[in-house]
N, C-alpha and C. Protein backbone atom coordinates (compact mmCIF):
# COMPACT_ATOMS: atom_id res chain seq x y z
N MET A 1 27.41 -35.61 -3.54
CA MET A 1 26.10 -35.15 -4.19
C MET A 1 26.34 -34.61 -5.50
N THR A 2 25.65 -35.08 -6.48
CA THR A 2 25.89 -34.51 -7.91
C THR A 2 24.73 -33.58 -8.16
N ALA A 3 25.14 -32.67 -9.08
CA ALA A 3 24.27 -31.68 -9.59
C ALA A 3 23.07 -32.27 -10.42
N SER A 4 21.92 -31.78 -10.27
CA SER A 4 20.78 -32.17 -11.21
C SER A 4 21.18 -31.91 -12.64
N PRO A 5 20.72 -32.82 -13.49
CA PRO A 5 21.01 -32.61 -14.98
C PRO A 5 20.23 -31.29 -15.49
N PHE A 6 19.27 -30.82 -14.69
CA PHE A 6 18.57 -29.68 -15.03
C PHE A 6 19.20 -28.38 -14.74
N GLN A 7 20.18 -28.53 -13.61
CA GLN A 7 20.76 -27.30 -13.16
C GLN A 7 21.60 -26.48 -14.24
N ALA A 8 22.08 -27.23 -15.23
CA ALA A 8 22.87 -26.58 -16.37
C ALA A 8 21.86 -25.78 -17.15
N SER A 9 20.68 -26.10 -17.29
CA SER A 9 19.73 -25.45 -18.18
C SER A 9 19.20 -24.07 -17.50
N VAL A 10 19.43 -23.92 -16.20
CA VAL A 10 18.91 -22.76 -15.48
C VAL A 10 19.83 -21.56 -15.61
N PRO A 11 19.48 -20.48 -16.15
CA PRO A 11 20.37 -19.36 -16.18
C PRO A 11 20.90 -18.87 -14.91
N SER A 12 21.98 -18.28 -15.02
CA SER A 12 22.57 -17.91 -13.69
C SER A 12 21.91 -16.66 -13.10
N ASP A 13 21.26 -16.06 -14.00
CA ASP A 13 20.44 -14.80 -13.40
C ASP A 13 18.99 -14.99 -13.11
N TRP A 14 18.60 -16.23 -12.96
CA TRP A 14 17.27 -16.62 -12.80
C TRP A 14 16.56 -16.13 -11.68
N PHE A 15 17.31 -15.71 -10.58
CA PHE A 15 16.55 -15.09 -9.36
C PHE A 15 16.16 -13.70 -9.62
N VAL A 16 14.96 -13.29 -9.25
CA VAL A 16 14.36 -12.03 -9.38
C VAL A 16 14.12 -11.62 -7.92
N ASP A 17 14.91 -10.48 -7.59
CA ASP A 17 14.74 -9.86 -6.25
C ASP A 17 13.40 -9.38 -5.96
N PRO A 18 12.64 -9.93 -4.94
CA PRO A 18 11.36 -9.41 -4.64
C PRO A 18 11.25 -8.01 -4.25
N ILE A 19 12.45 -7.50 -3.62
CA ILE A 19 12.39 -6.01 -3.32
C ILE A 19 12.33 -5.16 -4.56
N ASN A 20 13.11 -5.57 -5.60
CA ASN A 20 13.01 -4.79 -6.78
C ASN A 20 11.69 -4.90 -7.54
N LEU A 21 11.03 -6.04 -7.38
CA LEU A 21 9.62 -6.16 -7.85
C LEU A 21 8.53 -5.35 -7.08
N GLY A 22 8.90 -5.04 -5.97
CA GLY A 22 7.93 -4.31 -5.03
C GLY A 22 6.95 -5.15 -4.41
N VAL A 23 7.38 -6.38 -4.10
CA VAL A 23 6.53 -7.31 -3.52
C VAL A 23 6.09 -6.78 -1.92
N PRO A 24 4.79 -6.64 -1.71
CA PRO A 24 4.37 -6.05 -0.50
C PRO A 24 5.06 -6.91 0.76
N SER A 25 5.22 -6.04 1.81
CA SER A 25 5.90 -6.65 2.99
C SER A 25 7.29 -7.05 2.86
N VAL A 26 7.90 -6.88 1.80
CA VAL A 26 9.36 -7.22 1.59
C VAL A 26 10.18 -5.99 1.32
N ARG A 27 11.04 -5.61 2.17
CA ARG A 27 11.85 -4.37 1.98
C ARG A 27 13.04 -4.52 2.76
N ARG A 28 14.14 -3.69 2.20
CA ARG A 28 15.47 -3.74 2.92
C ARG A 28 15.32 -3.28 4.34
N VAL A 29 16.17 -3.79 5.28
CA VAL A 29 16.19 -3.41 6.49
C VAL A 29 16.43 -1.93 6.79
N ALA A 30 17.21 -1.28 5.94
CA ALA A 30 17.41 0.17 6.09
C ALA A 30 16.18 0.92 5.93
N GLU A 31 15.28 0.48 5.08
CA GLU A 31 14.07 1.19 4.81
C GLU A 31 13.06 1.24 6.00
N ASP A 32 13.28 0.44 7.07
CA ASP A 32 12.42 0.47 8.28
C ASP A 32 12.40 1.68 8.98
N ASP A 33 13.52 2.54 8.89
CA ASP A 33 13.66 3.88 9.30
C ASP A 33 12.77 4.79 8.60
N ASP A 34 12.32 4.54 7.51
CA ASP A 34 11.47 5.53 6.66
C ASP A 34 10.16 5.54 7.22
N PRO A 35 9.69 6.81 7.64
CA PRO A 35 8.30 6.78 8.16
C PRO A 35 7.14 6.44 7.30
N LEU A 36 7.46 6.46 5.92
CA LEU A 36 6.59 6.22 4.96
C LEU A 36 6.62 4.69 4.41
N ALA A 37 7.45 3.96 5.01
CA ALA A 37 7.83 2.57 4.62
C ALA A 37 6.36 1.78 4.48
N TRP A 38 5.41 2.07 5.32
CA TRP A 38 4.14 1.38 5.20
C TRP A 38 3.55 1.45 3.84
N GLN A 39 3.81 2.52 3.12
CA GLN A 39 3.07 2.63 1.91
C GLN A 39 3.46 1.34 0.87
N ALA A 40 4.60 0.80 1.15
CA ALA A 40 4.99 -0.25 0.29
C ALA A 40 4.13 -1.53 0.47
N ASP A 41 3.42 -1.58 1.72
CA ASP A 41 2.54 -2.65 2.07
C ASP A 41 1.11 -2.42 1.70
N SER A 42 0.77 -1.09 1.23
CA SER A 42 -0.59 -0.76 1.23
C SER A 42 -1.20 -1.50 -0.12
N LEU A 43 -2.54 -1.86 0.05
CA LEU A 43 -3.23 -2.47 -1.05
C LEU A 43 -3.57 -1.49 -2.12
N CYS A 44 -3.72 -0.33 -1.81
CA CYS A 44 -4.00 0.72 -2.80
C CYS A 44 -2.94 0.92 -3.83
N ALA A 45 -1.65 0.78 -3.34
CA ALA A 45 -0.51 0.82 -4.17
C ALA A 45 -0.39 -0.21 -5.26
N GLN A 46 -1.37 -1.37 -5.07
CA GLN A 46 -1.36 -2.48 -5.97
C GLN A 46 -2.59 -2.60 -6.74
N THR A 47 -3.41 -1.43 -6.73
CA THR A 47 -4.60 -1.45 -7.52
C THR A 47 -4.78 -0.12 -8.17
N ASP A 48 -5.92 0.13 -8.88
CA ASP A 48 -6.25 1.34 -9.71
C ASP A 48 -6.38 2.52 -8.64
N PRO A 49 -5.44 3.53 -8.81
CA PRO A 49 -5.50 4.64 -7.94
C PRO A 49 -6.81 5.47 -8.17
N GLU A 50 -7.41 5.37 -9.26
CA GLU A 50 -8.73 6.13 -9.49
C GLU A 50 -9.80 5.74 -8.54
N ALA A 51 -9.80 4.56 -8.08
CA ALA A 51 -10.77 4.11 -7.13
C ALA A 51 -10.77 5.00 -5.83
N PHE A 52 -9.53 5.36 -5.43
CA PHE A 52 -9.22 6.08 -4.23
C PHE A 52 -9.46 7.53 -4.46
N PHE A 53 -9.58 8.07 -5.53
CA PHE A 53 -9.84 9.44 -5.81
C PHE A 53 -11.06 9.72 -6.82
N PRO A 54 -12.25 9.30 -6.33
CA PRO A 54 -13.42 9.37 -7.17
C PRO A 54 -13.82 10.85 -7.47
N GLU A 55 -14.53 10.97 -8.57
CA GLU A 55 -15.00 12.31 -9.01
C GLU A 55 -15.98 12.70 -7.86
N LYS A 56 -16.29 14.06 -7.74
CA LYS A 56 -17.31 14.38 -6.78
C LYS A 56 -18.60 13.67 -6.96
N GLY A 57 -19.12 13.13 -6.03
CA GLY A 57 -20.41 12.37 -6.10
C GLY A 57 -20.21 10.84 -6.47
N GLY A 58 -18.92 10.55 -6.77
CA GLY A 58 -18.67 9.23 -7.27
C GLY A 58 -18.60 8.19 -6.06
N SER A 59 -18.71 6.95 -6.38
CA SER A 59 -18.86 5.93 -5.36
C SER A 59 -17.25 5.75 -4.65
N THR A 60 -17.37 5.44 -3.36
CA THR A 60 -16.07 5.30 -2.63
C THR A 60 -16.08 3.82 -2.11
N ARG A 61 -17.30 3.07 -2.49
CA ARG A 61 -17.48 1.71 -1.94
C ARG A 61 -16.28 0.76 -2.33
N GLU A 62 -15.67 0.73 -3.52
CA GLU A 62 -14.66 -0.04 -3.81
C GLU A 62 -13.33 0.15 -3.04
N ALA A 63 -13.08 1.47 -3.04
CA ALA A 63 -11.89 1.97 -2.28
C ALA A 63 -12.08 1.52 -0.80
N LYS A 64 -13.05 1.66 -0.26
CA LYS A 64 -13.27 1.40 1.16
C LYS A 64 -13.31 -0.18 1.40
N ARG A 65 -13.70 -0.90 0.53
CA ARG A 65 -13.59 -2.33 0.52
C ARG A 65 -12.25 -2.81 0.53
N ILE A 66 -11.42 -2.13 -0.27
CA ILE A 66 -9.92 -2.57 -0.27
C ILE A 66 -9.21 -2.16 1.02
N CYS A 67 -9.58 -0.93 1.38
CA CYS A 67 -9.01 -0.48 2.67
C CYS A 67 -9.34 -1.36 3.89
N ALA A 68 -10.56 -1.91 3.92
CA ALA A 68 -10.96 -2.71 5.01
C ALA A 68 -10.05 -3.99 5.07
N GLN A 69 -9.45 -4.42 3.94
CA GLN A 69 -8.60 -5.58 4.02
C GLN A 69 -7.17 -5.27 4.22
N CYS A 70 -6.73 -4.03 4.26
CA CYS A 70 -5.45 -3.59 4.13
C CYS A 70 -4.76 -3.51 5.68
N GLU A 71 -3.55 -4.13 5.58
CA GLU A 71 -2.90 -4.28 6.91
C GLU A 71 -2.27 -3.01 7.41
N VAL A 72 -2.22 -2.01 6.62
CA VAL A 72 -1.54 -0.76 7.04
C VAL A 72 -2.58 0.40 7.14
N ARG A 73 -3.81 0.02 7.26
CA ARG A 73 -4.89 1.04 7.14
C ARG A 73 -4.73 2.05 8.45
N SER A 74 -4.36 1.64 9.50
CA SER A 74 -4.11 2.65 10.57
C SER A 74 -3.08 3.60 10.39
N GLN A 75 -2.02 3.19 9.77
CA GLN A 75 -0.93 4.06 9.47
C GLN A 75 -1.33 5.04 8.43
N CYS A 76 -2.09 4.48 7.41
CA CYS A 76 -2.59 5.39 6.27
C CYS A 76 -3.45 6.50 6.94
N LEU A 77 -4.45 6.06 7.66
CA LEU A 77 -5.31 7.15 8.27
C LEU A 77 -4.52 8.27 9.13
N GLU A 78 -3.69 7.60 9.91
CA GLU A 78 -2.87 8.48 10.76
C GLU A 78 -1.99 9.56 9.96
N TYR A 79 -1.45 9.07 8.82
CA TYR A 79 -0.69 9.87 7.91
C TYR A 79 -1.65 10.95 7.25
N ALA A 80 -2.89 10.53 6.84
CA ALA A 80 -3.85 11.56 6.29
C ALA A 80 -4.28 12.56 7.25
N LEU A 81 -4.45 12.19 8.55
CA LEU A 81 -4.88 13.16 9.41
C LEU A 81 -3.81 14.08 9.87
N GLN A 82 -2.57 13.51 10.01
CA GLN A 82 -1.37 14.45 10.28
C GLN A 82 -1.07 15.45 9.23
N ASN A 83 -1.31 15.09 7.95
CA ASN A 83 -0.88 15.85 6.92
C ASN A 83 -2.17 16.57 6.15
N ASP A 84 -3.17 16.54 6.87
CA ASP A 84 -4.38 17.18 6.36
C ASP A 84 -4.79 16.93 4.81
N GLU A 85 -4.74 15.56 4.61
CA GLU A 85 -5.09 15.27 3.29
C GLU A 85 -6.48 15.57 2.88
N ARG A 86 -6.76 16.39 1.77
CA ARG A 86 -8.06 16.90 1.50
C ARG A 86 -8.82 16.02 0.51
N PHE A 87 -8.04 15.22 -0.20
CA PHE A 87 -8.77 14.50 -1.35
C PHE A 87 -8.51 13.04 -1.11
N GLY A 88 -9.40 12.22 -1.60
CA GLY A 88 -9.22 10.78 -1.70
C GLY A 88 -9.61 10.03 -0.46
N ILE A 89 -9.48 8.72 -0.63
CA ILE A 89 -9.73 7.83 0.49
C ILE A 89 -8.52 7.45 1.14
N TRP A 90 -8.34 7.75 2.46
CA TRP A 90 -7.15 7.36 3.16
C TRP A 90 -7.59 6.61 4.33
N GLY A 91 -6.95 5.48 4.68
CA GLY A 91 -7.36 4.72 5.87
C GLY A 91 -8.72 4.21 5.91
N GLY A 92 -9.46 4.16 4.75
CA GLY A 92 -10.82 3.81 4.65
C GLY A 92 -11.80 4.88 4.86
N LEU A 93 -11.32 6.13 4.97
CA LEU A 93 -12.28 7.31 5.32
C LEU A 93 -12.16 8.22 4.25
N SER A 94 -13.27 8.97 3.89
CA SER A 94 -13.39 10.01 2.89
C SER A 94 -12.79 11.30 3.53
N GLU A 95 -12.74 12.36 2.85
CA GLU A 95 -12.25 13.63 3.41
C GLU A 95 -13.40 14.06 4.43
N ARG A 96 -14.64 13.90 4.07
CA ARG A 96 -15.55 14.41 4.98
C ARG A 96 -15.59 13.56 6.33
N GLU A 97 -15.40 12.24 6.28
CA GLU A 97 -15.25 11.48 7.44
C GLU A 97 -14.05 11.80 8.21
N ARG A 98 -12.87 12.01 7.52
CA ARG A 98 -11.66 12.41 8.24
C ARG A 98 -11.82 13.76 9.01
N ARG A 99 -12.64 14.70 8.37
CA ARG A 99 -12.88 16.02 9.04
C ARG A 99 -13.74 15.83 10.32
N LYS A 100 -14.59 14.76 10.37
CA LYS A 100 -15.31 14.56 11.59
C LYS A 100 -14.41 14.02 12.58
N VAL A 101 -13.51 13.18 12.14
CA VAL A 101 -12.59 12.58 13.12
C VAL A 101 -11.73 13.57 13.73
N ARG A 102 -11.29 14.54 12.88
CA ARG A 102 -10.33 15.71 13.44
C ARG A 102 -11.19 16.54 14.45
N LYS A 103 -12.39 16.87 14.14
CA LYS A 103 -13.32 17.69 15.07
C LYS A 103 -13.42 17.01 16.32
N ALA A 104 -13.70 15.61 16.23
CA ALA A 104 -13.96 14.94 17.61
C ALA A 104 -12.71 14.72 18.34
N GLY A 105 -11.55 14.82 17.76
CA GLY A 105 -10.34 14.59 18.53
C GLY A 105 -9.80 15.75 19.01
């Protein structure tokens, strides 16, 4: 088998490591022990953080729409409840909604 004539034109460092790029759902095995590893897969980490921390009276609609599609939503909400996060949208819920969940539980 002979090498492609195009192979010589490809730089030897052409490969870009997806872990270094921060590609969601791609992480080193050792990082699986990290209790916050789920944050690497969060959709909010890939979008404008201001949507998740609106000013008082601001709309939470966009943040909640993003959360609804996020595969780590439950881990995010659990983190916010355990750490008493007082600001922002976490796991698709506002601070007021999280407070209700805490009182109900």
